Amino acid sequence: MPSTAALSRDALRAELARESHRANYIRVIRSTLNSLVVVAAAAVIVAMLVLPVLQIQGTSMTDTLQDKDVVVALRGSSYRTGDVVAFYYNNNILIKRVIATGGQWVNVADDGTVYVDNARLDEPYVTEKALGDADIAMPYQVPEGRVFVMGDHRSTSLDSRNSALGCVSEDMVLGRLLIRVWPLSGLGPI
C-alpha cells in the first residue's frame, strides 16, 4: 500500500503539470490574439494607404463592373488611357475609365465614337456607344494635372463630357482599380 506522502507527491506533480499546461495554454492564446491584432492593424493600414477596397454603386461602368461588385484599387500618381480609376466627387467615390490626360485633345462624335489627339480610340469594353449627356464644346483639351474620364455605360454615365463633373484633378484620384474580389464568380483583373 502506497504511503500518504507518495500519494501527496504524485497529486502535487499532477497538479503542477496541470498548472504548467494551463499557463502554456494561456500564453499561446495571448500570443495568438496579439498576432491577430497586429495583422489586422497592418491590413487596415495597407487598405487605407496602398490598396483601398471599394464597393461599386450604380451602373455607369456596366458591363465592366456591376452594382455591388467589390474591387481593390492601387494608389498611384500616373494614369493612362484605358485605366479604370476611383476618384472623389462631392463626398462620393466614383469609378470611371481614363480617356485622356493633361494636354491631350478629346472629341466625341455624335455616334459616340471617341477620338484622342485625332486618333480613334479602340474601346472593346464599350458595348453601346452614345454621345450621352455632353454639354462641353468638342474637341476639348484636357487641362494639365487633370484626367478626362468616361463611364463604360455611355448613355447613362455622368462624366467629363458634362460640365457638372468635368475633368478630374489628379489630386482627387484615389487609385487605379486592379482586381474584382466579389462576387467570386467575377474574381479577376479589371
N, C-alpha and C. Protein backbone atom coordinates (compact mmCIF):
# COMPACT_ATOMS: atom_id res chain seq x y z
N MET A 1 0.84 -1.17 0.00
CA MET A 1 0.00 0.00 0.00
C MET A 1 0.89 1.24 0.00
N PRO A 2 0.63 2.18 -0.99
CA PRO A 2 1.46 3.37 -1.06
C PRO A 2 1.22 4.28 0.13
N SER A 3 2.26 4.98 0.48
CA SER A 3 2.16 5.87 1.63
C SER A 3 1.42 7.15 1.26
N THR A 4 0.97 7.83 2.29
CA THR A 4 0.26 9.09 2.10
C THR A 4 1.19 10.13 1.48
N ALA A 5 2.44 10.10 1.85
CA ALA A 5 3.42 11.05 1.31
C ALA A 5 3.60 10.82 -0.18
N ALA A 6 3.61 9.55 -0.62
CA ALA A 6 3.76 9.24 -2.06
C ALA A 6 2.54 9.71 -2.83
N LEU A 7 1.34 9.50 -2.28
CA LEU A 7 0.12 9.98 -2.93
C LEU A 7 0.12 11.50 -3.02
N SER A 8 0.56 12.16 -1.96
CA SER A 8 0.61 13.61 -1.96
C SER A 8 1.61 14.12 -2.99
N ARG A 9 2.75 13.41 -3.07
CA ARG A 9 3.76 13.80 -4.05
C ARG A 9 3.24 13.62 -5.47
N ASP A 10 2.57 12.50 -5.75
CA ASP A 10 2.00 12.24 -7.08
C ASP A 10 0.89 13.25 -7.41
N ALA A 11 0.05 13.54 -6.40
CA ALA A 11 -1.02 14.52 -6.61
C ALA A 11 -0.43 15.91 -6.85
N LEU A 12 0.64 16.23 -6.11
CA LEU A 12 1.30 17.53 -6.29
C LEU A 12 1.92 17.64 -7.68
N ARG A 13 2.56 16.57 -8.16
CA ARG A 13 3.15 16.56 -9.51
C ARG A 13 2.07 16.71 -10.58
N ALA A 14 0.95 15.99 -10.39
CA ALA A 14 -0.16 16.07 -11.35
C ALA A 14 -0.74 17.49 -11.38
N GLU A 15 -0.90 18.07 -10.21
CA GLU A 15 -1.42 19.44 -10.12
C GLU A 15 -0.44 20.42 -10.75
N LEU A 16 0.85 20.24 -10.51
CA LEU A 16 1.88 21.10 -11.10
C LEU A 16 1.88 20.97 -12.62
N ALA A 17 1.72 19.77 -13.13
CA ALA A 17 1.66 19.55 -14.59
C ALA A 17 0.42 20.24 -15.18
N ARG A 18 -0.71 20.13 -14.49
CA ARG A 18 -1.95 20.79 -14.96
C ARG A 18 -1.77 22.31 -14.99
N GLU A 19 -1.20 22.86 -13.95
CA GLU A 19 -0.99 24.31 -13.88
C GLU A 19 0.01 24.76 -14.96
N SER A 20 1.04 23.99 -15.18
CA SER A 20 2.02 24.31 -16.21
C SER A 20 1.36 24.28 -17.59
N HIS A 21 0.54 23.26 -17.84
CA HIS A 21 -0.18 23.16 -19.11
C HIS A 21 -1.14 24.35 -19.28
N ARG A 22 -1.84 24.69 -18.21
CA ARG A 22 -2.78 25.81 -18.25
C ARG A 22 -2.05 27.12 -18.55
N ALA A 23 -0.90 27.34 -17.92
CA ALA A 23 -0.12 28.57 -18.15
C ALA A 23 0.38 28.62 -19.59
N ASN A 24 0.85 27.50 -20.11
CA ASN A 24 1.29 27.45 -21.52
C ASN A 24 0.13 27.73 -22.47
N TYR A 25 -1.03 27.16 -22.17
CA TYR A 25 -2.22 27.36 -23.00
C TYR A 25 -2.62 28.84 -23.03
N ILE A 26 -2.64 29.48 -21.88
CA ILE A 26 -2.99 30.90 -21.80
C ILE A 26 -1.96 31.75 -22.55
N ARG A 27 -0.68 31.41 -22.43
CA ARG A 27 0.37 32.14 -23.11
C ARG A 27 0.22 32.02 -24.65
N VAL A 28 -0.11 30.82 -25.13
CA VAL A 28 -0.30 30.61 -26.57
C VAL A 28 -1.52 31.39 -27.06
N ILE A 29 -2.61 31.36 -26.31
CA ILE A 29 -3.82 32.12 -26.69
C ILE A 29 -3.51 33.61 -26.73
N ARG A 30 -2.84 34.11 -25.72
CA ARG A 30 -2.50 35.54 -25.66
C ARG A 30 -1.59 35.92 -26.84
N SER A 31 -0.62 35.11 -27.13
CA SER A 31 0.30 35.36 -28.25
C SER A 31 -0.45 35.35 -29.58
N THR A 32 -1.36 34.41 -29.74
CA THR A 32 -2.16 34.32 -30.97
C THR A 32 -3.03 35.56 -31.13
N LEU A 33 -3.69 35.98 -30.07
CA LEU A 33 -4.54 37.17 -30.13
C LEU A 33 -3.71 38.42 -30.45
N ASN A 34 -2.54 38.55 -29.83
CA ASN A 34 -1.67 39.69 -30.14
C ASN A 34 -1.26 39.68 -31.61
N SER A 35 -0.93 38.52 -32.13
CA SER A 35 -0.54 38.40 -33.55
C SER A 35 -1.70 38.79 -34.46
N LEU A 36 -2.91 38.34 -34.12
CA LEU A 36 -4.09 38.69 -34.92
C LEU A 36 -4.36 40.19 -34.92
N VAL A 37 -4.19 40.82 -33.76
CA VAL A 37 -4.39 42.27 -33.67
C VAL A 37 -3.36 43.00 -34.54
N VAL A 38 -2.11 42.57 -34.51
CA VAL A 38 -1.06 43.21 -35.32
C VAL A 38 -1.35 43.02 -36.81
N VAL A 39 -1.75 41.81 -37.20
CA VAL A 39 -2.06 41.54 -38.61
C VAL A 39 -3.27 42.37 -39.05
N ALA A 40 -4.29 42.45 -38.22
CA ALA A 40 -5.47 43.25 -38.57
C ALA A 40 -5.11 44.72 -38.70
N ALA A 41 -4.30 45.24 -37.81
CA ALA A 41 -3.88 46.64 -37.89
C ALA A 41 -3.06 46.89 -39.15
N ALA A 42 -2.17 45.96 -39.48
CA ALA A 42 -1.37 46.11 -40.71
C ALA A 42 -2.27 46.06 -41.94
N ALA A 43 -3.27 45.19 -41.93
CA ALA A 43 -4.20 45.09 -43.06
C ALA A 43 -4.99 46.38 -43.23
N VAL A 44 -5.42 46.98 -42.14
CA VAL A 44 -6.16 48.24 -42.21
C VAL A 44 -5.26 49.36 -42.76
N ILE A 45 -4.03 49.41 -42.29
CA ILE A 45 -3.10 50.44 -42.77
C ILE A 45 -2.83 50.26 -44.26
N VAL A 46 -2.58 49.04 -44.69
CA VAL A 46 -2.34 48.77 -46.12
C VAL A 46 -3.58 49.13 -46.94
N ALA A 47 -4.77 48.75 -46.44
CA ALA A 47 -6.00 49.04 -47.17
C ALA A 47 -6.24 50.54 -47.30
N MET A 48 -5.90 51.29 -46.29
CA MET A 48 -6.14 52.73 -46.34
C MET A 48 -5.08 53.48 -47.12
N LEU A 49 -3.83 53.06 -47.03
CA LEU A 49 -2.74 53.82 -47.63
C LEU A 49 -2.32 53.32 -49.00
N VAL A 50 -2.46 52.04 -49.29
CA VAL A 50 -1.93 51.49 -50.53
C VAL A 50 -2.99 50.83 -51.40
N LEU A 51 -3.81 49.97 -50.82
CA LEU A 51 -4.77 49.18 -51.59
C LEU A 51 -6.19 49.35 -51.04
N PRO A 52 -6.84 50.47 -51.32
CA PRO A 52 -8.20 50.65 -50.82
C PRO A 52 -9.17 49.63 -51.44
N VAL A 53 -10.09 49.14 -50.63
CA VAL A 53 -11.12 48.22 -51.09
C VAL A 53 -12.42 49.02 -51.23
N LEU A 54 -13.07 48.91 -52.39
CA LEU A 54 -14.25 49.71 -52.69
C LEU A 54 -15.39 48.84 -53.16
N GLN A 55 -16.63 49.29 -52.90
CA GLN A 55 -17.80 48.60 -53.43
C GLN A 55 -18.43 49.50 -54.49
N ILE A 56 -18.72 48.92 -55.64
CA ILE A 56 -19.30 49.66 -56.76
C ILE A 56 -20.75 49.98 -56.46
N GLN A 57 -21.13 51.23 -56.71
CA GLN A 57 -22.51 51.67 -56.55
C GLN A 57 -22.96 52.27 -57.89
N GLY A 58 -24.00 51.72 -58.47
CA GLY A 58 -24.52 52.27 -59.71
C GLY A 58 -24.16 51.46 -60.93
N THR A 59 -24.56 51.98 -62.10
CA THR A 59 -24.42 51.23 -63.35
C THR A 59 -23.59 51.94 -64.41
N SER A 60 -22.89 53.00 -64.06
CA SER A 60 -22.17 53.76 -65.09
C SER A 60 -21.00 53.00 -65.69
N MET A 61 -20.55 51.90 -65.06
CA MET A 61 -19.44 51.12 -65.60
C MET A 61 -19.88 49.74 -66.12
N THR A 62 -21.19 49.54 -66.27
CA THR A 62 -21.70 48.29 -66.83
C THR A 62 -21.20 48.21 -68.27
N ASP A 63 -20.72 47.22 -68.77
CA ASP A 63 -20.62 45.81 -68.48
C ASP A 63 -19.31 45.44 -67.77
N THR A 64 -18.40 46.36 -67.65
CA THR A 64 -17.12 46.05 -67.00
C THR A 64 -17.31 45.74 -65.53
N LEU A 65 -18.05 46.57 -64.82
CA LEU A 65 -18.32 46.38 -63.39
C LEU A 65 -19.82 46.47 -63.15
N GLN A 66 -20.28 45.70 -62.19
CA GLN A 66 -21.71 45.69 -61.86
C GLN A 66 -21.93 46.33 -60.49
N ASP A 67 -23.16 46.76 -60.25
CA ASP A 67 -23.55 47.30 -58.95
C ASP A 67 -23.26 46.25 -57.87
N LYS A 68 -22.66 46.67 -56.77
CA LYS A 68 -22.32 45.84 -55.61
C LYS A 68 -21.04 45.01 -55.77
N ASP A 69 -20.34 45.11 -56.92
CA ASP A 69 -19.04 44.44 -57.03
C ASP A 69 -18.08 45.05 -56.01
N VAL A 70 -17.15 44.25 -55.52
CA VAL A 70 -16.12 44.74 -54.61
C VAL A 70 -14.78 44.65 -55.34
N VAL A 71 -14.06 45.77 -55.34
CA VAL A 71 -12.80 45.86 -56.08
C VAL A 71 -11.69 46.39 -55.19
N VAL A 72 -10.45 46.15 -55.63
CA VAL A 72 -9.27 46.66 -54.93
C VAL A 72 -8.56 47.62 -55.87
N ALA A 73 -8.21 48.79 -55.35
CA ALA A 73 -7.51 49.80 -56.14
C ALA A 73 -6.08 49.93 -55.65
N LEU A 74 -5.24 50.47 -56.50
CA LEU A 74 -3.84 50.74 -56.14
C LEU A 74 -3.62 52.24 -56.24
N ARG A 75 -3.21 52.84 -55.13
CA ARG A 75 -2.93 54.27 -55.15
C ARG A 75 -1.73 54.52 -56.04
N GLY A 76 -1.77 55.60 -56.78
CA GLY A 76 -0.67 55.94 -57.67
C GLY A 76 -0.85 57.35 -58.20
N SER A 77 0.09 57.77 -59.02
CA SER A 77 0.01 59.15 -59.49
C SER A 77 0.02 59.27 -61.00
N SER A 78 0.21 58.19 -61.74
CA SER A 78 0.18 58.31 -63.19
C SER A 78 -0.89 57.37 -63.75
N TYR A 79 -1.68 57.91 -64.63
CA TYR A 79 -2.79 57.16 -65.20
C TYR A 79 -2.71 57.31 -66.71
N ARG A 80 -3.15 56.28 -67.41
CA ARG A 80 -3.11 56.34 -68.86
C ARG A 80 -4.46 55.92 -69.42
N THR A 81 -4.66 56.19 -70.67
CA THR A 81 -5.91 55.87 -71.34
C THR A 81 -6.25 54.40 -71.16
N GLY A 82 -7.49 54.15 -70.75
CA GLY A 82 -7.96 52.78 -70.55
C GLY A 82 -7.98 52.34 -69.10
N ASP A 83 -7.22 53.02 -68.23
CA ASP A 83 -7.22 52.66 -66.80
C ASP A 83 -8.58 52.98 -66.19
N VAL A 84 -9.07 52.09 -65.33
CA VAL A 84 -10.29 52.36 -64.56
C VAL A 84 -9.84 52.91 -63.22
N VAL A 85 -10.35 54.10 -62.87
CA VAL A 85 -9.92 54.77 -61.65
C VAL A 85 -11.09 55.10 -60.75
N ALA A 86 -10.77 55.24 -59.47
CA ALA A 86 -11.72 55.72 -58.46
C ALA A 86 -11.28 57.12 -58.07
N PHE A 87 -12.25 58.03 -57.91
CA PHE A 87 -11.91 59.40 -57.53
C PHE A 87 -13.01 59.98 -56.67
N TYR A 88 -12.65 61.02 -55.92
CA TYR A 88 -13.60 61.71 -55.06
C TYR A 88 -14.36 62.77 -55.85
N TYR A 89 -15.68 62.82 -55.62
CA TYR A 89 -16.51 63.85 -56.22
C TYR A 89 -17.70 64.09 -55.29
N ASN A 90 -17.82 65.30 -54.76
CA ASN A 90 -18.93 65.66 -53.87
C ASN A 90 -19.13 64.65 -52.73
N ASN A 91 -18.08 64.35 -52.00
CA ASN A 91 -18.12 63.42 -50.87
C ASN A 91 -18.53 62.00 -51.26
N ASN A 92 -18.37 61.66 -52.53
CA ASN A 92 -18.63 60.30 -53.01
C ASN A 92 -17.38 59.82 -53.72
N ILE A 93 -17.29 58.51 -53.88
CA ILE A 93 -16.23 57.93 -54.69
C ILE A 93 -16.87 57.41 -55.96
N LEU A 94 -16.43 57.93 -57.10
CA LEU A 94 -16.94 57.50 -58.40
C LEU A 94 -15.89 56.64 -59.10
N ILE A 95 -16.37 55.77 -59.97
CA ILE A 95 -15.50 54.88 -60.75
C ILE A 95 -15.74 55.19 -62.23
N LYS A 96 -14.68 55.51 -62.95
CA LYS A 96 -14.77 55.79 -64.39
C LYS A 96 -13.49 55.33 -65.08
N ARG A 97 -13.49 55.39 -66.39
CA ARG A 97 -12.33 54.99 -67.18
C ARG A 97 -11.61 56.24 -67.69
N VAL A 98 -10.28 56.25 -67.61
CA VAL A 98 -9.48 57.36 -68.11
C VAL A 98 -9.50 57.32 -69.64
N ILE A 99 -9.87 58.44 -70.23
CA ILE A 99 -9.89 58.57 -71.69
C ILE A 99 -8.68 59.36 -72.16
N ALA A 100 -8.35 60.41 -71.44
CA ALA A 100 -7.21 61.26 -71.83
C ALA A 100 -6.63 61.93 -70.60
N THR A 101 -5.39 62.37 -70.72
CA THR A 101 -4.71 63.06 -69.62
C THR A 101 -4.35 64.48 -70.05
N GLY A 102 -3.77 65.24 -69.14
CA GLY A 102 -3.46 66.64 -69.37
C GLY A 102 -2.75 66.91 -70.69
N GLY A 103 -3.28 67.88 -71.43
CA GLY A 103 -2.69 68.30 -72.70
C GLY A 103 -3.26 67.59 -73.92
N GLN A 104 -3.94 66.47 -73.74
CA GLN A 104 -4.49 65.74 -74.87
C GLN A 104 -5.83 66.34 -75.29
N TRP A 105 -6.16 66.14 -76.56
CA TRP A 105 -7.43 66.61 -77.12
C TRP A 105 -8.41 65.45 -77.21
N VAL A 106 -9.65 65.67 -76.75
CA VAL A 106 -10.70 64.66 -76.80
C VAL A 106 -11.82 65.17 -77.68
N ASN A 107 -12.35 64.26 -78.51
CA ASN A 107 -13.51 64.57 -79.32
C ASN A 107 -14.43 63.36 -79.28
N VAL A 108 -15.71 63.60 -79.02
CA VAL A 108 -16.71 62.53 -79.03
C VAL A 108 -17.69 62.87 -80.14
N ALA A 109 -17.75 61.99 -81.14
CA ALA A 109 -18.64 62.19 -82.29
C ALA A 109 -20.09 61.96 -81.87
N ASP A 110 -21.00 62.39 -82.71
CA ASP A 110 -22.43 62.23 -82.42
C ASP A 110 -22.83 60.77 -82.24
N ASP A 111 -22.11 59.85 -82.91
CA ASP A 111 -22.44 58.42 -82.76
C ASP A 111 -21.76 57.80 -81.54
N GLY A 112 -21.00 58.58 -80.78
CA GLY A 112 -20.36 58.10 -79.57
C GLY A 112 -18.92 57.64 -79.74
N THR A 113 -18.41 57.69 -80.96
CA THR A 113 -17.01 57.31 -81.20
C THR A 113 -16.10 58.34 -80.56
N VAL A 114 -15.09 57.87 -79.83
CA VAL A 114 -14.19 58.75 -79.09
C VAL A 114 -12.85 58.84 -79.83
N TYR A 115 -12.36 60.08 -79.95
CA TYR A 115 -11.06 60.34 -80.56
C TYR A 115 -10.19 61.06 -79.54
N VAL A 116 -8.93 60.62 -79.43
CA VAL A 116 -7.96 61.29 -78.58
C VAL A 116 -6.81 61.70 -79.47
N ASP A 117 -6.52 63.01 -79.50
CA ASP A 117 -5.50 63.57 -80.40
C ASP A 117 -5.74 63.12 -81.84
N ASN A 118 -7.00 63.20 -82.26
CA ASN A 118 -7.46 62.86 -83.63
C ASN A 118 -7.31 61.39 -83.99
N ALA A 119 -7.00 60.53 -83.06
CA ALA A 119 -6.92 59.09 -83.31
C ALA A 119 -8.12 58.41 -82.67
N ARG A 120 -8.81 57.57 -83.45
CA ARG A 120 -9.98 56.85 -82.94
C ARG A 120 -9.53 55.93 -81.80
N LEU A 121 -10.23 56.00 -80.69
CA LEU A 121 -9.90 55.19 -79.51
C LEU A 121 -10.54 53.81 -79.66
N ASP A 122 -9.74 52.76 -79.53
CA ASP A 122 -10.24 51.40 -79.56
C ASP A 122 -10.81 51.09 -78.18
N GLU A 123 -12.11 50.83 -78.11
CA GLU A 123 -12.78 50.63 -76.83
C GLU A 123 -13.56 49.31 -76.81
N PRO A 124 -12.89 48.17 -76.68
CA PRO A 124 -13.60 46.89 -76.67
C PRO A 124 -14.49 46.70 -75.45
N TYR A 125 -14.29 47.50 -74.42
CA TYR A 125 -15.06 47.39 -73.18
C TYR A 125 -16.42 48.09 -73.27
N VAL A 126 -16.65 48.88 -74.34
CA VAL A 126 -17.92 49.59 -74.50
C VAL A 126 -18.82 48.76 -75.40
N THR A 127 -20.02 48.42 -74.90
CA THR A 127 -20.96 47.62 -75.69
C THR A 127 -21.96 48.49 -76.45
N GLU A 128 -22.18 49.71 -75.96
CA GLU A 128 -23.14 50.60 -76.61
C GLU A 128 -22.58 52.02 -76.62
N LYS A 129 -22.17 52.47 -77.79
CA LYS A 129 -21.63 53.83 -77.89
C LYS A 129 -22.77 54.83 -77.86
N ALA A 130 -22.51 55.97 -77.22
CA ALA A 130 -23.51 57.03 -77.16
C ALA A 130 -22.81 58.34 -76.85
N LEU A 131 -23.34 59.43 -77.35
CA LEU A 131 -22.80 60.75 -77.04
C LEU A 131 -23.08 61.08 -75.57
N GLY A 132 -24.20 60.60 -75.06
CA GLY A 132 -24.54 60.81 -73.65
C GLY A 132 -24.86 62.25 -73.34
N ASP A 133 -24.77 62.61 -72.08
CA ASP A 133 -25.09 63.95 -71.60
C ASP A 133 -23.86 64.84 -71.71
N ALA A 134 -23.57 65.26 -72.94
CA ALA A 134 -22.38 66.09 -73.20
C ALA A 134 -22.80 67.53 -73.41
N ASP A 135 -22.26 68.42 -72.57
CA ASP A 135 -22.56 69.84 -72.74
C ASP A 135 -21.30 70.69 -72.89
N ILE A 136 -20.15 70.04 -73.12
CA ILE A 136 -18.91 70.80 -73.35
C ILE A 136 -18.63 70.85 -74.85
N ALA A 137 -17.93 71.89 -75.27
CA ALA A 137 -17.61 72.05 -76.69
C ALA A 137 -16.50 71.07 -77.06
N MET A 138 -16.74 70.34 -78.15
CA MET A 138 -15.75 69.38 -78.65
C MET A 138 -15.11 69.94 -79.90
N PRO A 139 -13.87 69.68 -80.20
CA PRO A 139 -12.91 68.95 -79.38
C PRO A 139 -12.54 69.76 -78.13
N TYR A 140 -12.11 69.02 -77.13
CA TYR A 140 -11.84 69.60 -75.81
C TYR A 140 -10.42 69.24 -75.40
N GLN A 141 -9.64 70.23 -74.96
CA GLN A 141 -8.29 69.95 -74.49
C GLN A 141 -8.31 69.79 -72.98
N VAL A 142 -7.77 68.66 -72.52
CA VAL A 142 -7.73 68.35 -71.10
C VAL A 142 -6.68 69.24 -70.44
N PRO A 143 -7.06 69.99 -69.40
CA PRO A 143 -6.08 70.83 -68.70
C PRO A 143 -4.99 69.99 -68.03
N GLU A 144 -3.82 70.56 -67.89
CA GLU A 144 -2.71 69.87 -67.21
C GLU A 144 -3.11 69.54 -65.77
N GLY A 145 -2.67 68.39 -65.29
CA GLY A 145 -2.97 67.98 -63.93
C GLY A 145 -4.36 67.40 -63.76
N ARG A 146 -5.05 67.15 -64.88
CA ARG A 146 -6.41 66.60 -64.83
C ARG A 146 -6.52 65.41 -65.77
N VAL A 147 -7.55 64.60 -65.54
CA VAL A 147 -7.84 63.47 -66.42
C VAL A 147 -9.28 63.57 -66.90
N PHE A 148 -9.48 63.20 -68.15
CA PHE A 148 -10.81 63.15 -68.77
C PHE A 148 -11.31 61.72 -68.60
N VAL A 149 -12.44 61.53 -67.91
CA VAL A 149 -12.96 60.21 -67.60
C VAL A 149 -14.35 60.02 -68.19
N MET A 150 -14.65 58.77 -68.53
CA MET A 150 -15.98 58.42 -69.01
C MET A 150 -16.36 57.05 -68.45
N GLY A 151 -17.65 56.86 -68.20
CA GLY A 151 -18.14 55.55 -67.80
C GLY A 151 -18.27 54.65 -69.01
N ASP A 152 -18.23 53.35 -68.81
CA ASP A 152 -18.36 52.41 -69.92
C ASP A 152 -19.80 52.31 -70.42
N HIS A 153 -20.77 52.61 -69.58
CA HIS A 153 -22.18 52.64 -69.99
C HIS A 153 -22.49 54.06 -70.42
N ARG A 154 -22.09 54.38 -71.63
CA ARG A 154 -22.02 55.77 -72.12
C ARG A 154 -23.36 56.51 -72.11
N SER A 155 -24.47 55.84 -72.31
CA SER A 155 -25.74 56.55 -72.40
C SER A 155 -26.23 57.05 -71.03
N THR A 156 -25.76 56.46 -69.93
CA THR A 156 -26.25 56.86 -68.60
C THR A 156 -25.19 57.52 -67.72
N SER A 157 -23.93 57.42 -68.10
CA SER A 157 -22.86 57.89 -67.23
C SER A 157 -22.74 59.41 -67.22
N LEU A 158 -22.68 59.97 -66.03
CA LEU A 158 -22.33 61.39 -65.86
C LEU A 158 -20.83 61.42 -65.67
N ASP A 159 -20.13 62.06 -66.60
CA ASP A 159 -18.67 62.01 -66.57
C ASP A 159 -18.10 63.32 -67.12
N SER A 160 -16.87 63.30 -67.60
CA SER A 160 -16.19 64.52 -68.04
C SER A 160 -16.82 65.16 -69.26
N ARG A 161 -17.73 64.48 -69.94
CA ARG A 161 -18.44 65.09 -71.07
C ARG A 161 -19.39 66.17 -70.61
N ASN A 162 -19.70 66.19 -69.33
CA ASN A 162 -20.64 67.15 -68.78
C ASN A 162 -19.91 68.10 -67.82
N SER A 163 -20.21 69.38 -67.93
CA SER A 163 -19.52 70.38 -67.09
C SER A 163 -19.87 70.22 -65.61
N ALA A 164 -20.94 69.50 -65.28
CA ALA A 164 -21.28 69.28 -63.87
C ALA A 164 -20.17 68.49 -63.17
N LEU A 165 -19.53 67.58 -63.89
CA LEU A 165 -18.41 66.81 -63.33
C LEU A 165 -17.09 67.33 -63.88
N GLY A 166 -17.00 67.45 -65.20
CA GLY A 166 -15.79 67.95 -65.83
C GLY A 166 -14.60 67.02 -65.67
N CYS A 167 -13.43 67.53 -65.98
CA CYS A 167 -12.21 66.75 -65.83
C CYS A 167 -11.88 66.63 -64.34
N VAL A 168 -11.26 65.53 -63.98
CA VAL A 168 -10.96 65.23 -62.59
C VAL A 168 -9.51 65.60 -62.29
N SER A 169 -9.31 66.33 -61.22
CA SER A 169 -7.96 66.67 -60.79
C SER A 169 -7.23 65.39 -60.37
N GLU A 170 -5.98 65.25 -60.77
CA GLU A 170 -5.21 64.07 -60.40
C GLU A 170 -5.09 63.93 -58.88
N ASP A 171 -5.19 65.05 -58.16
CA ASP A 171 -5.14 65.02 -56.70
C ASP A 171 -6.37 64.32 -56.11
N MET A 172 -7.47 64.30 -56.84
CA MET A 172 -8.71 63.70 -56.36
C MET A 172 -8.81 62.21 -56.69
N VAL A 173 -7.90 61.71 -57.51
CA VAL A 173 -7.94 60.29 -57.90
C VAL A 173 -7.43 59.44 -56.74
N LEU A 174 -8.26 58.53 -56.31
CA LEU A 174 -7.94 57.63 -55.21
C LEU A 174 -6.98 56.53 -55.66
N GLY A 175 -7.18 56.02 -56.86
CA GLY A 175 -6.29 54.98 -57.37
C GLY A 175 -6.86 54.28 -58.58
N ARG A 176 -6.03 53.43 -59.16
CA ARG A 176 -6.40 52.64 -60.34
C ARG A 176 -6.92 51.29 -59.87
N LEU A 177 -8.08 50.87 -60.40
CA LEU A 177 -8.65 49.60 -60.00
C LEU A 177 -7.83 48.46 -60.57
N LEU A 178 -7.52 47.49 -59.71
CA LEU A 178 -6.69 46.35 -60.11
C LEU A 178 -7.47 45.08 -60.32
N ILE A 179 -8.29 44.74 -59.31
CA ILE A 179 -8.90 43.42 -59.30
C ILE A 179 -10.29 43.47 -58.69
N ARG A 180 -11.17 42.64 -59.23
CA ARG A 180 -12.50 42.46 -58.63
C ARG A 180 -12.39 41.26 -57.70
N VAL A 181 -12.81 41.42 -56.44
CA VAL A 181 -12.73 40.33 -55.47
C VAL A 181 -14.08 39.75 -55.10
N TRP A 182 -15.16 40.45 -55.46
CA TRP A 182 -16.51 39.95 -55.17
C TRP A 182 -17.46 40.42 -56.23
N PRO A 183 -18.31 39.60 -56.74
CA PRO A 183 -18.56 38.21 -56.37
C PRO A 183 -17.43 37.30 -56.86
N LEU A 184 -17.29 36.15 -56.22
CA LEU A 184 -16.21 35.25 -56.56
C LEU A 184 -16.28 34.78 -58.01
N SER A 185 -17.48 34.73 -58.57
CA SER A 185 -17.61 34.32 -59.97
C SER A 185 -16.96 35.34 -60.91
N GLY A 186 -16.78 36.57 -60.47
CA GLY A 186 -16.15 37.61 -61.29
C GLY A 186 -14.73 37.92 -60.87
N LEU A 187 -14.16 37.10 -59.97
CA LEU A 187 -12.81 37.34 -59.47
C LEU A 187 -11.82 37.43 -60.62
N GLY A 188 -11.04 38.52 -60.63
CA GLY A 188 -10.04 38.65 -61.67
C GLY A 188 -9.65 40.10 -61.87
N PRO A 189 -8.67 40.32 -62.75
CA PRO A 189 -8.20 41.68 -63.01
C PRO A 189 -9.24 42.51 -63.74
N ILE A 190 -9.12 43.82 -63.60
CA ILE A 190 -10.05 44.73 -64.28
C ILE A 190 -9.34 45.32 -65.48
